[in-house]
Amino acid sequence: MAMVKLMLISCSNVIRIHTASYGRTDNAPCSSGRPANQLRRTSCSASGTLPIVKESCEGRTTCLLKAFNSIFSNPCRCTYKYLDISYSCVPPSSHNVIKIHAANYGRTNSKVCSDNQPAHKINNTNCYSSNELSAVKESIQQDV
């Protein structure tokens, strides 16, 4: 966890953001040389901080963040604010990857989608397209 006005996050893997807050939730961090009236208010944080930080850093190996009102808004006037981020460096994830092993358009089973269908529409179970796997993979890659 770090609390500063300018932050560089660098990971050998990828960055995963857990929490992010811009404002002041404690009077001690970033207080050196600041007058007490700028540190007194500790119930102040910008509501949209986490999505902004995630968009800037999530899944990257490096990220430079600036803690300024112009980026996160000004949740409390006359209060010295800081950016507080909790993150970890994690291996790249493959859980968001779609791997297609088989695809079929046709009918190979008389039970699937057979409710309220006349027998002549479900009897032929030797009906399939031989190139559906490549067609489905191609359509998924075009959508990404």
N, C-alpha and C. Protein backbone atom coordinates (compact mmCIF):
# COMPACT_ATOMS: atom_id res chain seq x y z
N MET A 1 0.85 -1.17 0.00
CA MET A 1 0.00 0.00 0.00
C MET A 1 0.90 1.24 0.00
N ALA A 2 0.53 2.24 -0.79
CA ALA A 2 1.32 3.45 -0.86
C ALA A 2 0.40 4.67 -0.86
N MET A 3 0.86 5.77 -0.25
CA MET A 3 0.05 6.98 -0.18
C MET A 3 0.90 8.16 -0.61
N VAL A 4 0.73 8.61 -1.86
CA VAL A 4 1.55 9.69 -2.40
C VAL A 4 0.76 10.48 -3.43
N LYS A 5 1.35 11.59 -3.93
CA LYS A 5 0.72 12.40 -4.97
C LYS A 5 1.10 11.92 -6.37
N LEU A 6 2.22 11.22 -6.49
CA LEU A 6 2.66 10.67 -7.77
C LEU A 6 3.13 9.25 -7.49
N MET A 7 2.59 8.29 -8.22
CA MET A 7 2.92 6.90 -7.93
C MET A 7 3.24 6.14 -9.20
N LEU A 8 4.36 5.43 -9.15
CA LEU A 8 4.72 4.52 -10.24
C LEU A 8 4.60 3.11 -9.69
N ILE A 9 3.76 2.32 -10.34
CA ILE A 9 3.62 0.91 -9.98
C ILE A 9 4.30 0.11 -11.08
N SER A 10 5.14 -0.82 -10.67
CA SER A 10 5.85 -1.65 -11.64
C SER A 10 5.87 -3.09 -11.14
N CYS A 11 5.49 -4.01 -12.00
CA CYS A 11 5.43 -5.43 -11.65
C CYS A 11 6.15 -6.24 -12.72
N SER A 12 6.75 -7.35 -12.30
CA SER A 12 7.34 -8.24 -13.29
C SER A 12 6.24 -9.05 -13.99
N ASN A 13 5.12 -9.23 -13.32
CA ASN A 13 3.95 -9.87 -13.93
C ASN A 13 2.96 -8.77 -14.31
N VAL A 14 1.72 -8.87 -13.87
CA VAL A 14 0.74 -7.83 -14.16
C VAL A 14 0.13 -7.30 -12.87
N ILE A 15 -0.36 -6.09 -12.95
CA ILE A 15 -0.92 -5.39 -11.79
C ILE A 15 -2.38 -5.79 -11.60
N ARG A 16 -2.73 -6.09 -10.36
CA ARG A 16 -4.14 -6.31 -10.00
C ARG A 16 -4.46 -5.32 -8.88
N ILE A 17 -5.40 -4.42 -9.13
CA ILE A 17 -5.80 -3.40 -8.17
C ILE A 17 -6.87 -3.97 -7.25
N HIS A 18 -6.66 -3.83 -5.94
CA HIS A 18 -7.64 -4.31 -4.96
C HIS A 18 -8.52 -3.17 -4.46
N THR A 19 -7.90 -2.09 -4.00
CA THR A 19 -8.65 -0.93 -3.51
C THR A 19 -7.93 0.34 -3.96
N ALA A 20 -8.68 1.41 -4.04
CA ALA A 20 -8.10 2.71 -4.38
C ALA A 20 -8.98 3.80 -3.78
N SER A 21 -8.32 4.78 -3.17
CA SER A 21 -9.04 5.89 -2.56
C SER A 21 -8.26 7.17 -2.78
N TYR A 22 -8.94 8.22 -3.20
CA TYR A 22 -8.33 9.54 -3.32
C TYR A 22 -9.08 10.46 -2.36
N GLY A 23 -8.34 11.05 -1.47
CA GLY A 23 -8.93 11.94 -0.47
C GLY A 23 -8.07 11.90 0.78
N ARG A 24 -8.72 11.87 1.94
CA ARG A 24 -8.01 11.76 3.21
C ARG A 24 -8.90 10.97 4.16
N THR A 25 -8.37 9.83 4.61
CA THR A 25 -9.09 8.98 5.56
C THR A 25 -8.34 8.84 6.88
N ASP A 26 -7.18 9.50 6.96
CA ASP A 26 -6.33 9.45 8.16
C ASP A 26 -5.55 10.75 8.18
N ASN A 27 -5.28 11.31 9.36
CA ASN A 27 -4.56 12.58 9.38
C ASN A 27 -3.05 12.43 9.32
N ALA A 28 -2.50 11.22 9.45
CA ALA A 28 -1.05 11.02 9.47
C ALA A 28 -0.39 10.96 8.08
N PRO A 29 -0.90 10.21 7.11
CA PRO A 29 -0.20 10.09 5.82
C PRO A 29 -0.06 11.43 5.11
N CYS A 30 1.09 11.61 4.49
CA CYS A 30 1.37 12.81 3.70
C CYS A 30 1.11 14.09 4.49
N SER A 31 1.47 14.11 5.76
CA SER A 31 1.18 15.25 6.63
C SER A 31 2.39 16.14 6.90
N SER A 32 3.58 15.68 6.54
CA SER A 32 4.79 16.43 6.84
C SER A 32 4.75 17.82 6.20
N GLY A 33 4.92 18.85 7.03
CA GLY A 33 4.95 20.23 6.56
C GLY A 33 3.59 20.82 6.25
N ARG A 34 2.51 20.11 6.49
CA ARG A 34 1.16 20.59 6.21
C ARG A 34 0.55 21.20 7.47
N PRO A 35 -0.18 22.30 7.32
CA PRO A 35 -0.87 22.87 8.48
C PRO A 35 -2.00 21.95 8.96
N ALA A 36 -2.28 21.97 10.22
CA ALA A 36 -3.28 21.09 10.83
C ALA A 36 -4.65 21.23 10.18
N ASN A 37 -5.03 22.44 9.74
CA ASN A 37 -6.35 22.61 9.14
C ASN A 37 -6.50 21.86 7.82
N GLN A 38 -5.39 21.51 7.14
CA GLN A 38 -5.45 20.73 5.90
C GLN A 38 -5.49 19.23 6.16
N LEU A 39 -5.28 18.83 7.40
CA LEU A 39 -5.22 17.40 7.75
C LEU A 39 -6.39 16.96 8.63
N ARG A 40 -7.13 17.92 9.14
CA ARG A 40 -8.18 17.63 10.13
C ARG A 40 -9.30 16.74 9.59
N ARG A 41 -9.76 17.02 8.39
CA ARG A 41 -10.90 16.28 7.83
C ARG A 41 -10.41 14.92 7.32
N THR A 42 -10.94 13.84 7.90
CA THR A 42 -10.49 12.49 7.53
C THR A 42 -11.63 11.59 7.03
N SER A 43 -12.73 12.17 6.69
CA SER A 43 -13.83 11.36 6.14
C SER A 43 -14.12 11.84 4.71
N CYS A 44 -13.09 11.80 3.90
CA CYS A 44 -13.20 12.38 2.57
C CYS A 44 -12.56 11.45 1.55
N SER A 45 -13.34 11.00 0.58
CA SER A 45 -12.76 10.23 -0.52
C SER A 45 -13.64 10.36 -1.76
N ALA A 46 -12.99 10.41 -2.91
CA ALA A 46 -13.70 10.54 -4.19
C ALA A 46 -14.33 9.19 -4.55
N SER A 47 -15.58 9.20 -4.91
CA SER A 47 -16.33 7.96 -5.14
C SER A 47 -15.87 7.18 -6.37
N GLY A 48 -15.35 7.83 -7.40
CA GLY A 48 -15.00 7.13 -8.64
C GLY A 48 -13.54 6.74 -8.76
N THR A 49 -12.82 6.70 -7.66
CA THR A 49 -11.38 6.44 -7.72
C THR A 49 -11.03 5.04 -8.23
N LEU A 50 -11.66 4.02 -7.69
CA LEU A 50 -11.31 2.64 -8.06
C LEU A 50 -11.43 2.39 -9.56
N PRO A 51 -12.54 2.74 -10.22
CA PRO A 51 -12.61 2.49 -11.67
C PRO A 51 -11.54 3.24 -12.47
N ILE A 52 -11.20 4.45 -12.05
CA ILE A 52 -10.17 5.22 -12.76
C ILE A 52 -8.82 4.53 -12.64
N VAL A 53 -8.47 4.09 -11.42
CA VAL A 53 -7.19 3.43 -11.20
C VAL A 53 -7.15 2.09 -11.93
N LYS A 54 -8.24 1.33 -11.87
CA LYS A 54 -8.28 0.05 -12.58
C LYS A 54 -8.10 0.24 -14.08
N GLU A 55 -8.75 1.24 -14.65
CA GLU A 55 -8.63 1.48 -16.08
C GLU A 55 -7.20 1.85 -16.47
N SER A 56 -6.52 2.56 -15.59
CA SER A 56 -5.15 2.99 -15.87
C SER A 56 -4.12 1.88 -15.67
N CYS A 57 -4.38 0.95 -14.73
CA CYS A 57 -3.32 0.03 -14.30
C CYS A 57 -3.62 -1.46 -14.44
N GLU A 58 -4.84 -1.86 -14.30
CA GLU A 58 -5.20 -3.28 -14.24
C GLU A 58 -4.68 -4.04 -15.45
N GLY A 59 -3.94 -5.13 -15.22
CA GLY A 59 -3.46 -5.99 -16.28
C GLY A 59 -2.18 -5.51 -16.97
N ARG A 60 -1.64 -4.38 -16.54
CA ARG A 60 -0.41 -3.85 -17.13
C ARG A 60 0.79 -4.20 -16.26
N THR A 61 1.97 -4.00 -16.79
CA THR A 61 3.17 -4.26 -15.99
C THR A 61 3.69 -2.99 -15.31
N THR A 62 3.40 -1.82 -15.87
CA THR A 62 3.76 -0.55 -15.24
C THR A 62 2.60 0.44 -15.37
N CYS A 63 2.58 1.37 -14.44
CA CYS A 63 1.49 2.34 -14.42
C CYS A 63 1.95 3.56 -13.64
N LEU A 64 1.77 4.75 -14.19
CA LEU A 64 2.09 5.99 -13.51
C LEU A 64 0.79 6.71 -13.20
N LEU A 65 0.56 6.98 -11.93
CA LEU A 65 -0.67 7.64 -11.50
C LEU A 65 -0.33 8.97 -10.85
N LYS A 66 -1.14 9.98 -11.15
CA LYS A 66 -1.00 11.30 -10.54
C LYS A 66 -2.23 11.54 -9.67
N ALA A 67 -2.01 11.93 -8.44
CA ALA A 67 -3.11 12.16 -7.50
C ALA A 67 -3.48 13.64 -7.51
N PHE A 68 -4.36 14.01 -8.44
CA PHE A 68 -4.78 15.39 -8.58
C PHE A 68 -6.29 15.49 -8.64
N ASN A 69 -6.82 16.62 -8.16
CA ASN A 69 -8.27 16.87 -8.21
C ASN A 69 -8.78 16.80 -9.64
N SER A 70 -7.98 17.24 -10.60
CA SER A 70 -8.42 17.25 -11.99
C SER A 70 -8.67 15.84 -12.54
N ILE A 71 -8.09 14.85 -11.90
CA ILE A 71 -8.28 13.46 -12.33
C ILE A 71 -9.38 12.78 -11.52
N PHE A 72 -9.37 12.93 -10.21
CA PHE A 72 -10.27 12.18 -9.32
C PHE A 72 -11.41 13.01 -8.75
N SER A 73 -11.46 14.28 -8.99
CA SER A 73 -12.41 15.26 -8.45
C SER A 73 -11.90 15.79 -7.11
N ASN A 74 -12.63 16.70 -6.53
CA ASN A 74 -12.22 17.31 -5.26
C ASN A 74 -13.25 16.96 -4.20
N PRO A 75 -13.09 15.83 -3.53
CA PRO A 75 -14.10 15.37 -2.58
C PRO A 75 -14.18 16.22 -1.30
N CYS A 76 -13.15 17.00 -0.99
CA CYS A 76 -13.20 17.85 0.20
C CYS A 76 -12.27 19.05 0.01
N ARG A 77 -12.84 20.21 -0.01
CA ARG A 77 -12.07 21.44 -0.20
C ARG A 77 -11.21 21.73 1.03
N CYS A 78 -10.12 22.41 0.80
CA CYS A 78 -9.20 22.85 1.87
C CYS A 78 -8.61 21.69 2.66
N THR A 79 -8.57 20.50 2.05
CA THR A 79 -7.99 19.33 2.70
C THR A 79 -6.90 18.79 1.78
N TYR A 80 -5.74 18.50 2.34
CA TYR A 80 -4.65 17.93 1.56
C TYR A 80 -4.94 16.45 1.34
N LYS A 81 -5.05 16.05 0.07
CA LYS A 81 -5.47 14.70 -0.28
C LYS A 81 -4.29 13.86 -0.78
N TYR A 82 -4.47 12.55 -0.76
CA TYR A 82 -3.46 11.62 -1.26
C TYR A 82 -4.18 10.44 -1.91
N LEU A 83 -3.43 9.71 -2.71
CA LEU A 83 -3.94 8.52 -3.38
C LEU A 83 -3.46 7.30 -2.61
N ASP A 84 -4.38 6.47 -2.20
CA ASP A 84 -4.09 5.28 -1.41
C ASP A 84 -4.52 4.07 -2.23
N ILE A 85 -3.56 3.24 -2.64
CA ILE A 85 -3.85 2.09 -3.50
C ILE A 85 -3.32 0.81 -2.88
N SER A 86 -4.14 -0.21 -2.93
CA SER A 86 -3.70 -1.55 -2.54
C SER A 86 -3.70 -2.38 -3.83
N TYR A 87 -2.56 -3.02 -4.12
CA TYR A 87 -2.44 -3.79 -5.36
C TYR A 87 -1.52 -4.98 -5.13
N SER A 88 -1.52 -5.89 -6.07
CA SER A 88 -0.58 -7.00 -6.05
C SER A 88 -0.11 -7.25 -7.48
N CYS A 89 1.02 -7.92 -7.58
CA CYS A 89 1.57 -8.32 -8.87
C CYS A 89 1.27 -9.80 -9.04
N VAL A 90 0.54 -10.13 -10.08
CA VAL A 90 0.08 -11.51 -10.26
C VAL A 90 0.46 -12.01 -11.66
N PRO A 91 0.58 -13.32 -11.82
CA PRO A 91 0.84 -13.86 -13.16
C PRO A 91 -0.34 -13.53 -14.08
N PRO A 92 -0.07 -13.35 -15.37
CA PRO A 92 -1.17 -13.10 -16.31
C PRO A 92 -2.19 -14.24 -16.22
N SER A 93 -3.45 -13.88 -16.27
CA SER A 93 -4.51 -14.87 -16.11
C SER A 93 -4.98 -15.38 -17.46
N SER A 94 -5.30 -16.65 -17.51
CA SER A 94 -5.86 -17.21 -18.74
C SER A 94 -7.33 -17.53 -18.55
N HIS A 95 -7.92 -17.12 -17.41
CA HIS A 95 -9.32 -17.46 -17.17
C HIS A 95 -10.28 -16.64 -18.03
N ASN A 96 -9.81 -15.60 -18.71
CA ASN A 96 -10.67 -14.81 -19.58
C ASN A 96 -10.55 -15.24 -21.04
N VAL A 97 -9.86 -16.32 -21.30
CA VAL A 97 -9.67 -16.80 -22.66
C VAL A 97 -10.70 -17.88 -22.97
N ILE A 98 -11.32 -17.75 -24.10
CA ILE A 98 -12.30 -18.75 -24.53
C ILE A 98 -11.58 -19.74 -25.44
N LYS A 99 -11.64 -21.01 -25.07
CA LYS A 99 -11.05 -22.06 -25.90
C LYS A 99 -12.20 -22.95 -26.38
N ILE A 100 -12.36 -23.04 -27.67
CA ILE A 100 -13.45 -23.83 -28.26
C ILE A 100 -12.85 -25.12 -28.78
N HIS A 101 -13.37 -26.24 -28.28
CA HIS A 101 -12.86 -27.55 -28.67
C HIS A 101 -13.77 -28.24 -29.69
N ALA A 102 -15.07 -27.92 -29.63
CA ALA A 102 -16.00 -28.56 -30.55
C ALA A 102 -17.19 -27.63 -30.79
N ALA A 103 -17.79 -27.75 -31.95
CA ALA A 103 -18.98 -26.99 -32.29
C ALA A 103 -19.77 -27.77 -33.32
N ASN A 104 -21.09 -27.64 -33.24
CA ASN A 104 -21.93 -28.35 -34.20
C ASN A 104 -23.18 -27.53 -34.48
N TYR A 105 -23.56 -27.52 -35.73
CA TYR A 105 -24.84 -26.96 -36.12
C TYR A 105 -25.55 -28.08 -36.84
N GLY A 106 -26.66 -28.50 -36.29
CA GLY A 106 -27.41 -29.61 -36.87
C GLY A 106 -28.08 -30.41 -35.76
N ARG A 107 -28.24 -31.70 -35.97
CA ARG A 107 -28.88 -32.56 -34.96
C ARG A 107 -28.17 -33.89 -34.93
N THR A 108 -27.63 -34.23 -33.74
CA THR A 108 -26.98 -35.52 -33.55
C THR A 108 -27.66 -36.31 -32.44
N ASN A 109 -28.75 -35.74 -31.88
CA ASN A 109 -29.44 -36.37 -30.76
C ASN A 109 -30.93 -36.02 -30.86
N SER A 110 -31.79 -37.00 -30.70
CA SER A 110 -33.23 -36.74 -30.83
C SER A 110 -33.83 -36.10 -29.59
N LYS A 111 -33.11 -36.01 -28.51
CA LYS A 111 -33.63 -35.44 -27.25
C LYS A 111 -33.43 -33.92 -27.15
N VAL A 112 -32.33 -33.40 -27.67
CA VAL A 112 -32.02 -31.98 -27.53
C VAL A 112 -33.01 -31.14 -28.32
N CYS A 113 -33.57 -30.13 -27.69
CA CYS A 113 -34.52 -29.20 -28.31
C CYS A 113 -35.69 -29.94 -28.97
N SER A 114 -36.20 -30.95 -28.31
CA SER A 114 -37.26 -31.76 -28.92
C SER A 114 -38.64 -31.48 -28.34
N ASP A 115 -38.75 -30.69 -27.27
CA ASP A 115 -40.05 -30.40 -26.67
C ASP A 115 -41.02 -29.80 -27.68
N ASN A 116 -42.20 -30.37 -27.74
CA ASN A 116 -43.29 -29.90 -28.60
C ASN A 116 -42.95 -29.88 -30.08
N GLN A 117 -42.00 -30.71 -30.50
CA GLN A 117 -41.63 -30.79 -31.91
C GLN A 117 -42.19 -32.07 -32.50
N PRO A 118 -42.71 -32.00 -33.70
CA PRO A 118 -43.21 -33.22 -34.34
C PRO A 118 -42.05 -34.18 -34.65
N ALA A 119 -42.34 -35.47 -34.65
CA ALA A 119 -41.33 -36.51 -34.84
C ALA A 119 -40.52 -36.31 -36.12
N HIS A 120 -41.17 -35.88 -37.19
CA HIS A 120 -40.44 -35.74 -38.46
C HIS A 120 -39.35 -34.65 -38.41
N LYS A 121 -39.40 -33.76 -37.41
CA LYS A 121 -38.38 -32.72 -37.29
C LYS A 121 -37.20 -33.14 -36.41
N ILE A 122 -37.37 -34.23 -35.65
CA ILE A 122 -36.28 -34.64 -34.75
C ILE A 122 -35.74 -36.04 -35.02
N ASN A 123 -36.31 -36.77 -35.95
CA ASN A 123 -35.88 -38.14 -36.23
C ASN A 123 -34.49 -38.22 -36.84
N ASN A 124 -34.15 -37.32 -37.74
CA ASN A 124 -32.85 -37.36 -38.41
C ASN A 124 -31.78 -36.85 -37.44
N THR A 125 -30.95 -37.75 -36.95
CA THR A 125 -29.88 -37.38 -36.02
C THR A 125 -28.50 -37.48 -36.67
N ASN A 126 -28.49 -37.62 -37.96
CA ASN A 126 -27.23 -37.67 -38.70
C ASN A 126 -27.09 -36.38 -39.51
N CYS A 127 -27.25 -35.27 -38.82
CA CYS A 127 -27.28 -33.98 -39.48
C CYS A 127 -26.31 -33.04 -38.77
N TYR A 128 -25.21 -32.74 -39.42
CA TYR A 128 -24.25 -31.82 -38.82
C TYR A 128 -23.40 -31.19 -39.91
N SER A 129 -22.82 -30.07 -39.56
CA SER A 129 -21.95 -29.37 -40.50
C SER A 129 -20.51 -29.68 -40.11
N SER A 130 -19.70 -30.03 -41.05
CA SER A 130 -18.33 -30.44 -40.76
C SER A 130 -17.38 -29.27 -40.52
N ASN A 131 -17.77 -28.05 -40.88
CA ASN A 131 -16.85 -26.93 -40.72
C ASN A 131 -17.28 -25.94 -39.64
N GLU A 132 -18.15 -26.32 -38.74
CA GLU A 132 -18.64 -25.40 -37.71
C GLU A 132 -17.57 -24.98 -36.72
N LEU A 133 -16.66 -25.87 -36.35
CA LEU A 133 -15.63 -25.51 -35.39
C LEU A 133 -14.82 -24.32 -35.89
N SER A 134 -14.36 -24.36 -37.12
CA SER A 134 -13.57 -23.25 -37.63
C SER A 134 -14.43 -21.99 -37.79
N ALA A 135 -15.69 -22.15 -38.17
CA ALA A 135 -16.57 -20.99 -38.32
C ALA A 135 -16.82 -20.30 -36.97
N VAL A 136 -17.03 -21.08 -35.91
CA VAL A 136 -17.26 -20.51 -34.59
C VAL A 136 -15.99 -19.83 -34.08
N LYS A 137 -14.85 -20.49 -34.21
CA LYS A 137 -13.58 -19.88 -33.78
C LYS A 137 -13.34 -18.57 -34.51
N GLU A 138 -13.59 -18.54 -35.79
CA GLU A 138 -13.37 -17.34 -36.59
C GLU A 138 -14.31 -16.21 -36.13
N SER A 139 -15.56 -16.53 -35.87
CA SER A 139 -16.50 -15.48 -35.44
C SER A 139 -16.14 -14.94 -34.05
N ILE A 140 -15.62 -15.77 -33.15
CA ILE A 140 -15.20 -15.32 -31.82
C ILE A 140 -14.01 -14.40 -31.96
N GLN A 141 -13.04 -14.73 -32.78
CA GLN A 141 -11.84 -13.90 -32.96
C GLN A 141 -12.18 -12.55 -33.56
N GLN A 142 -13.18 -12.48 -34.42
CA GLN A 142 -13.57 -11.21 -35.02
C GLN A 142 -14.25 -10.32 -34.00
N ASP A 143 -14.93 -10.90 -33.00
CA ASP A 143 -15.64 -10.12 -31.98
C ASP A 143 -14.72 -9.57 -30.92
N VAL A 144 -13.51 -10.13 -30.78
CA VAL A 144 -12.61 -9.72 -29.70
C VAL A 144 -11.97 -8.39 -30.02
